[in-house]
Amino acid sequence: MPIIYAGFGVFAYFIVNYANDYIDYHSAYIEKVYHAQHGNYKWLTDKYNESQLLSGSESARRNMEINIILSAVWYILNILDATVDAHLFTYNISKDLAIQATPAAMAIDPLHMASPGIKLSLTFK
């Protein structure tokens, strides 16, 4: 469970962070286009030109949307994992089920020498 909650927390952090960046860069772009003298985003308008502000705005929006999609995929994977766990909860694993690994020499074809390998044997009793 902690991994699931940590994943949602990380995605939420990045979504909020990129949303705030998008608002800042987009508002600064609008101030720069309309030549606002005393805007709230003067710290960005003094530092960047119009194309850089527009590029920063688009980049932040794209990253926000990617994180929203990734969080939806994370949610779907968690649902899938819970469904598989629920179906396997009543699966009977008896004491008679065994797997054994032994070293073996395996020939690829009759003309070549045998190469080392591992033989896996699954036993049902």
Protein backbone atom coordinates (compact mmCIF):
# COMPACT_ATOMS: atom_id res chain seq x y z
CA MET A 1 0.00 0.00 0.00
CA PRO A 2 2.74 2.56 0.73
CA ILE A 3 4.03 2.22 -2.83
CA ILE A 4 0.56 2.91 -4.22
CA TYR A 5 0.06 5.99 -2.05
CA ALA A 6 3.59 7.21 -2.76
CA GLY A 7 2.94 6.91 -6.50
CA PHE A 8 -0.25 8.95 -6.25
CA GLY A 9 1.55 11.50 -4.07
CA VAL A 10 4.38 11.89 -6.57
CA PHE A 11 1.97 12.29 -9.48
CA ALA A 12 -0.14 14.81 -7.53
CA TYR A 13 2.99 16.82 -6.65
CA PHE A 14 4.12 17.00 -10.27
CA ILE A 15 0.63 17.83 -11.57
CA VAL A 16 0.26 20.73 -9.11
CA ASN A 17 3.82 21.92 -9.75
CA TYR A 18 3.40 21.95 -13.54
CA ALA A 19 -0.06 23.54 -13.25
CA ASN A 20 1.44 26.39 -11.23
CA ASP A 21 4.29 26.77 -13.73
CA TYR A 22 1.77 26.85 -16.58
CA ILE A 23 -0.25 29.60 -14.88
CA ASP A 24 2.89 31.63 -14.18
CA TYR A 25 4.34 31.38 -17.68
CA HIS A 26 1.01 31.85 -19.44
CA SER A 27 0.15 34.92 -17.34
CA ALA A 28 3.63 36.34 -17.90
CA TYR A 29 3.22 35.76 -21.65
CA ILE A 30 -0.07 37.67 -21.64
CA GLU A 31 1.55 40.52 -19.70
CA LYS A 32 4.46 40.61 -22.15
CA VAL A 33 2.18 40.62 -25.22
CA TYR A 34 0.02 43.45 -23.85
CA HIS A 35 3.06 45.36 -22.51
CA ALA A 36 1.88 45.51 -18.90
CA GLN A 37 4.17 47.88 -17.01
CA HIS A 38 3.37 46.84 -13.45
CA GLY A 39 2.24 43.23 -13.78
CA ASN A 40 2.33 40.49 -11.18
CA TYR A 41 4.78 38.46 -13.25
CA LYS A 42 7.44 41.09 -13.82
CA TRP A 43 10.06 38.67 -12.50
CA LEU A 44 9.37 36.48 -15.55
CA THR A 45 8.69 39.18 -18.14
CA ASP A 46 12.03 40.86 -17.40
CA LYS A 47 13.90 37.58 -17.71
CA TYR A 48 12.36 36.03 -20.86
CA ASN A 49 11.06 37.18 -24.24
CA GLU A 50 7.62 36.32 -25.69
CA SER A 51 8.67 33.15 -27.47
CA GLN A 52 10.48 31.80 -24.40
CA LEU A 53 7.43 32.48 -22.21
CA LEU A 54 5.14 30.79 -24.72
CA SER A 55 7.50 27.81 -24.97
CA GLY A 56 7.67 27.55 -21.16
CA SER A 57 3.89 27.71 -20.94
CA GLU A 58 3.44 24.95 -23.55
CA SER A 59 6.11 22.79 -21.94
CA ALA A 60 4.52 23.07 -18.49
CA ARG A 61 1.08 22.26 -19.93
CA ARG A 62 2.43 19.24 -21.82
CA ASN A 63 4.21 17.92 -18.72
CA MET A 64 1.07 18.43 -16.63
CA GLU A 65 -1.04 16.50 -19.14
CA ILE A 66 1.52 13.67 -19.33
CA ASN A 67 1.46 13.36 -15.55
CA ILE A 68 -2.35 13.26 -15.54
CA ILE A 69 -2.25 10.43 -18.11
CA LEU A 70 0.44 8.58 -16.14
CA SER A 71 -1.57 8.88 -12.92
CA ALA A 72 -4.61 7.41 -14.73
CA VAL A 73 -2.43 4.51 -15.96
CA TRP A 74 -1.11 4.06 -12.39
CA TYR A 75 -4.72 3.88 -11.14
CA ILE A 76 -5.70 1.32 -13.78
CA LEU A 77 -2.64 -0.82 -12.96
CA ASN A 78 -3.61 -0.75 -9.28
CA ILE A 79 -7.13 -1.89 -10.14
CA LEU A 80 -5.68 -4.68 -12.30
CA ASP A 81 -3.33 -5.76 -9.50
CA ALA A 82 -6.18 -5.81 -6.96
CA THR A 83 -8.32 -7.88 -9.32
CA VAL A 84 -5.57 -10.45 -9.87
CA ASP A 85 -4.90 -10.65 -6.12
CA ALA A 86 -8.60 -11.17 -5.42
CA HIS A 87 -8.80 -14.01 -7.94
CA LEU A 88 -5.68 -15.69 -6.59
CA PHE A 89 -6.75 -15.36 -2.94
CA THR A 90 -8.60 -18.68 -2.96
CA TYR A 91 -6.10 -20.46 -5.21
CA ASN A 92 -5.12 -23.79 -3.65
CA ILE A 93 -1.39 -24.28 -3.39
CA SER A 94 -0.93 -27.78 -2.02
CA LYS A 95 2.15 -29.19 -0.36
CA ASP A 96 2.43 -31.72 -3.20
CA LEU A 97 3.30 -29.05 -5.77
CA ALA A 98 7.07 -28.81 -6.30
CA ILE A 99 9.56 -27.30 -8.69
CA GLN A 100 13.08 -28.60 -8.99
CA ALA A 101 16.06 -27.05 -10.83
CA THR A 102 18.91 -29.37 -11.86
CA PRO A 103 21.96 -28.78 -14.06
CA ALA A 104 21.75 -30.37 -17.50
CA ALA A 105 23.74 -30.62 -20.71
CA MET A 106 21.62 -29.53 -23.68
CA ALA A 107 22.45 -30.11 -27.34
CA ILE A 108 21.12 -27.57 -29.79
CA ASP A 109 21.47 -29.99 -32.70
CA PRO A 110 23.32 -33.31 -33.16
CA LEU A 111 26.30 -31.71 -34.95
CA HIS A 112 27.29 -29.31 -32.16
CA MET A 113 28.63 -29.93 -28.69
CA ALA A 114 26.29 -29.84 -25.74
CA SER A 115 26.07 -26.61 -23.78
CA PRO A 116 25.39 -26.26 -20.06
CA GLY A 117 21.88 -25.39 -18.95
CA ILE A 118 19.30 -25.69 -16.21
CA LYS A 119 16.44 -28.17 -16.30
CA LEU A 120 13.27 -27.14 -14.48
CA SER A 121 10.88 -29.91 -13.39
CA LEU A 122 7.38 -29.18 -12.14
CA THR A 123 5.88 -32.05 -10.11
CA PHE A 124 2.20 -32.59 -9.26
CA LYS A 125 1.35 -35.36 -6.79
